[in-house]
N, C-alpha and C. Protein backbone atom coordinates (compact mmCIF):
# COMPACT_ATOMS: atom_id res chain seq x y z
N MET A 1 16.42 6.80 -18.89
CA MET A 1 15.41 7.83 -19.02
C MET A 1 15.89 9.27 -19.14
N ASP A 2 15.53 9.93 -19.99
CA ASP A 2 15.87 11.38 -19.99
C ASP A 2 14.88 12.31 -19.60
N GLU A 3 15.12 13.58 -19.52
CA GLU A 3 14.24 14.57 -18.99
C GLU A 3 12.95 14.68 -19.77
N SER A 4 12.89 14.65 -21.11
CA SER A 4 11.61 14.60 -21.84
C SER A 4 10.72 13.54 -21.73
N GLN A 5 11.20 12.49 -20.99
CA GLN A 5 10.30 11.19 -20.73
C GLN A 5 9.70 11.17 -19.28
N LEU A 6 10.10 12.14 -18.58
CA LEU A 6 9.55 12.01 -17.08
C LEU A 6 8.15 12.62 -17.12
N ASP A 7 7.27 12.06 -16.33
CA ASP A 7 6.03 12.47 -16.02
C ASP A 7 5.92 12.75 -14.59
N LEU A 8 5.78 13.91 -14.20
CA LEU A 8 5.90 14.39 -12.66
C LEU A 8 4.62 13.91 -12.05
N SER A 9 3.52 13.34 -12.62
CA SER A 9 2.26 13.05 -12.03
C SER A 9 2.32 11.68 -11.46
N ILE A 10 3.39 10.87 -11.88
CA ILE A 10 3.41 9.45 -11.63
C ILE A 10 4.64 9.00 -10.74
N ASP A 11 4.52 8.04 -9.95
CA ASP A 11 5.79 7.62 -9.14
C ASP A 11 6.59 6.80 -9.76
N TYR A 12 7.74 6.82 -9.26
CA TYR A 12 8.94 5.98 -9.93
C TYR A 12 9.56 5.16 -8.84
N TRP A 13 10.30 4.07 -9.24
CA TRP A 13 11.39 3.35 -8.46
C TRP A 13 12.75 4.02 -8.81
N ALA A 14 13.56 4.26 -7.99
CA ALA A 14 14.81 4.71 -8.04
C ALA A 14 15.88 4.26 -7.25
N LYS A 15 17.11 4.22 -7.68
CA LYS A 15 18.25 4.05 -6.83
C LYS A 15 18.69 5.50 -6.36
N VAL A 16 18.20 5.89 -5.19
CA VAL A 16 18.53 7.21 -4.76
C VAL A 16 19.81 7.15 -4.04
N ILE A 17 20.70 8.20 -4.38
CA ILE A 17 22.16 8.40 -3.89
C ILE A 17 22.05 8.23 -2.39
N GLY A 18 22.95 7.33 -1.81
CA GLY A 18 22.97 7.02 -0.36
C GLY A 18 22.01 6.08 0.20
N GLN A 19 21.01 5.53 -0.57
CA GLN A 19 20.20 4.47 -0.15
C GLN A 19 20.66 3.19 -0.76
N PRO A 20 20.61 2.05 -0.03
CA PRO A 20 21.07 0.75 -0.38
C PRO A 20 20.25 0.11 -1.42
N ASP A 21 18.84 0.34 -1.53
CA ASP A 21 18.03 -0.39 -2.38
C ASP A 21 17.16 0.59 -3.38
N LEU A 22 16.33 0.08 -4.14
CA LEU A 22 15.52 0.65 -4.93
C LEU A 22 14.42 1.18 -4.01
N VAL A 23 13.92 2.58 -4.04
CA VAL A 23 12.81 2.99 -3.17
C VAL A 23 11.87 3.62 -4.14
N GLU A 24 10.57 3.84 -3.78
CA GLU A 24 9.53 4.46 -4.44
C GLU A 24 9.62 5.88 -4.17
N VAL A 25 9.67 6.70 -5.33
CA VAL A 25 9.81 8.13 -5.22
C VAL A 25 8.81 8.91 -5.99
N GLN A 26 8.66 10.15 -5.59
CA GLN A 26 7.93 11.31 -6.44
C GLN A 26 8.91 12.21 -6.78
N VAL A 27 8.94 12.46 -8.22
CA VAL A 27 10.08 13.54 -8.65
C VAL A 27 9.46 14.98 -8.30
N LEU A 28 10.35 15.74 -7.69
CA LEU A 28 10.02 16.98 -7.22
C LEU A 28 10.56 18.01 -8.29
N HIS A 29 11.91 17.77 -8.63
CA HIS A 29 12.49 18.85 -9.61
C HIS A 29 13.47 18.11 -10.46
N VAL A 30 13.57 18.47 -11.70
CA VAL A 30 14.48 17.96 -12.73
C VAL A 30 15.72 18.78 -13.00
N LEU A 31 16.73 18.21 -12.87
CA LEU A 31 18.09 19.07 -13.18
C LEU A 31 18.60 18.39 -14.51
N THR A 32 19.73 18.75 -14.70
CA THR A 32 20.48 18.27 -16.12
C THR A 32 20.38 16.60 -16.13
N ASN A 33 21.02 16.07 -15.25
CA ASN A 33 21.14 14.57 -15.41
C ASN A 33 20.58 13.83 -14.11
N THR A 34 20.15 14.58 -13.26
CA THR A 34 19.62 14.10 -11.94
C THR A 34 18.26 14.84 -11.61
N ALA A 35 17.55 14.19 -10.65
CA ALA A 35 16.27 14.73 -10.22
C ALA A 35 16.28 14.77 -8.65
N THR A 36 15.53 15.80 -8.15
CA THR A 36 15.37 15.85 -6.63
C THR A 36 14.18 15.06 -6.36
N VAL A 37 14.06 14.10 -5.46
CA VAL A 37 12.85 13.20 -5.35
C VAL A 37 12.57 13.18 -3.87
N CYS A 38 11.23 12.84 -3.64
CA CYS A 38 10.71 12.70 -2.40
C CYS A 38 10.58 11.11 -2.20
N ILE A 39 11.30 10.54 -1.19
CA ILE A 39 11.13 9.18 -0.87
C ILE A 39 9.59 8.95 -0.33
N LYS A 40 8.75 8.10 -0.90
CA LYS A 40 7.48 7.90 -0.47
C LYS A 40 7.41 7.36 0.91
N GLU A 41 8.21 6.37 1.22
CA GLU A 41 8.06 5.71 2.61
C GLU A 41 8.47 6.50 3.76
N THR A 42 9.62 7.38 3.63
CA THR A 42 9.96 8.18 4.67
C THR A 42 9.69 9.63 4.62
N GLY A 43 9.27 10.13 3.41
CA GLY A 43 9.08 11.58 3.33
C GLY A 43 10.39 12.36 3.20
N GLU A 44 11.55 11.74 3.17
CA GLU A 44 12.82 12.44 2.99
C GLU A 44 13.12 12.73 1.67
N THR A 45 13.85 13.93 1.44
CA THR A 45 14.20 14.18 -0.09
C THR A 45 15.59 13.57 -0.35
N GLY A 46 15.80 13.33 -1.58
CA GLY A 46 17.20 12.81 -2.16
C GLY A 46 17.28 13.09 -3.49
N VAL A 47 18.51 12.70 -4.16
CA VAL A 47 18.76 12.86 -5.44
C VAL A 47 19.04 11.45 -6.06
N ALA A 48 18.38 11.35 -7.35
CA ALA A 48 18.49 10.18 -8.28
C ALA A 48 18.97 10.58 -9.51
N LYS A 49 19.88 9.86 -10.08
CA LYS A 49 20.14 9.97 -11.56
C LYS A 49 19.02 9.55 -12.41
N LEU A 50 18.78 10.34 -13.51
CA LEU A 50 17.58 10.23 -14.36
C LEU A 50 17.79 8.75 -14.89
N CYS A 51 18.88 8.24 -15.20
CA CYS A 51 19.11 6.88 -15.73
C CYS A 51 18.48 5.81 -14.79
N ASP A 52 18.39 6.23 -13.65
CA ASP A 52 18.02 5.30 -12.59
C ASP A 52 16.61 5.26 -12.18
N LEU A 53 15.69 5.96 -12.78
CA LEU A 53 14.38 6.17 -12.53
C LEU A 53 13.71 5.12 -13.40
N VAL A 54 12.74 4.37 -12.82
CA VAL A 54 11.93 3.27 -13.47
C VAL A 54 10.39 3.66 -13.18
N ALA A 55 9.51 3.70 -14.11
CA ALA A 55 8.13 4.06 -13.79
C ALA A 55 7.57 2.95 -12.91
N SER A 56 6.75 3.27 -11.88
CA SER A 56 6.20 2.41 -11.04
C SER A 56 4.98 1.75 -11.67
N GLN A 57 4.76 0.50 -11.64
CA GLN A 57 3.72 -0.24 -12.32
C GLN A 57 2.76 -0.51 -11.29
N GLU A 58 1.47 0.29 -11.23
CA GLU A 58 0.47 -0.14 -10.24
C GLU A 58 -0.69 -0.85 -10.96
N GLU A 59 -1.20 -1.91 -10.37
CA GLU A 59 -2.28 -2.58 -10.92
C GLU A 59 -3.50 -2.14 -10.36
N LYS A 60 -4.59 -1.86 -11.09
CA LYS A 60 -5.92 -1.40 -10.42
C LYS A 60 -6.82 -2.57 -10.69
N MET A 61 -7.44 -3.05 -9.66
CA MET A 61 -8.51 -3.98 -9.85
C MET A 61 -9.94 -3.67 -9.58
N LEU A 62 -10.80 -3.87 -10.44
CA LEU A 62 -12.28 -3.52 -10.11
C LEU A 62 -12.91 -4.73 -9.47
N ILE A 63 -13.70 -4.27 -8.44
CA ILE A 63 -14.24 -5.37 -7.56
C ILE A 63 -15.63 -5.30 -7.92
């Protein structure tokens, strides 16, 4: 994924530097090849490579 493909209004799954697994994140700021992200589960900030961001797929069900 590159900078032009990012949508700051949606959540992503990413391999955040220093984290062992993929985590759900919100993109805070985009840099050249990386993004500053907020880890949804913990509220911590981190850095992820743009190529490691994958759009989160949320299913909405109408009852």
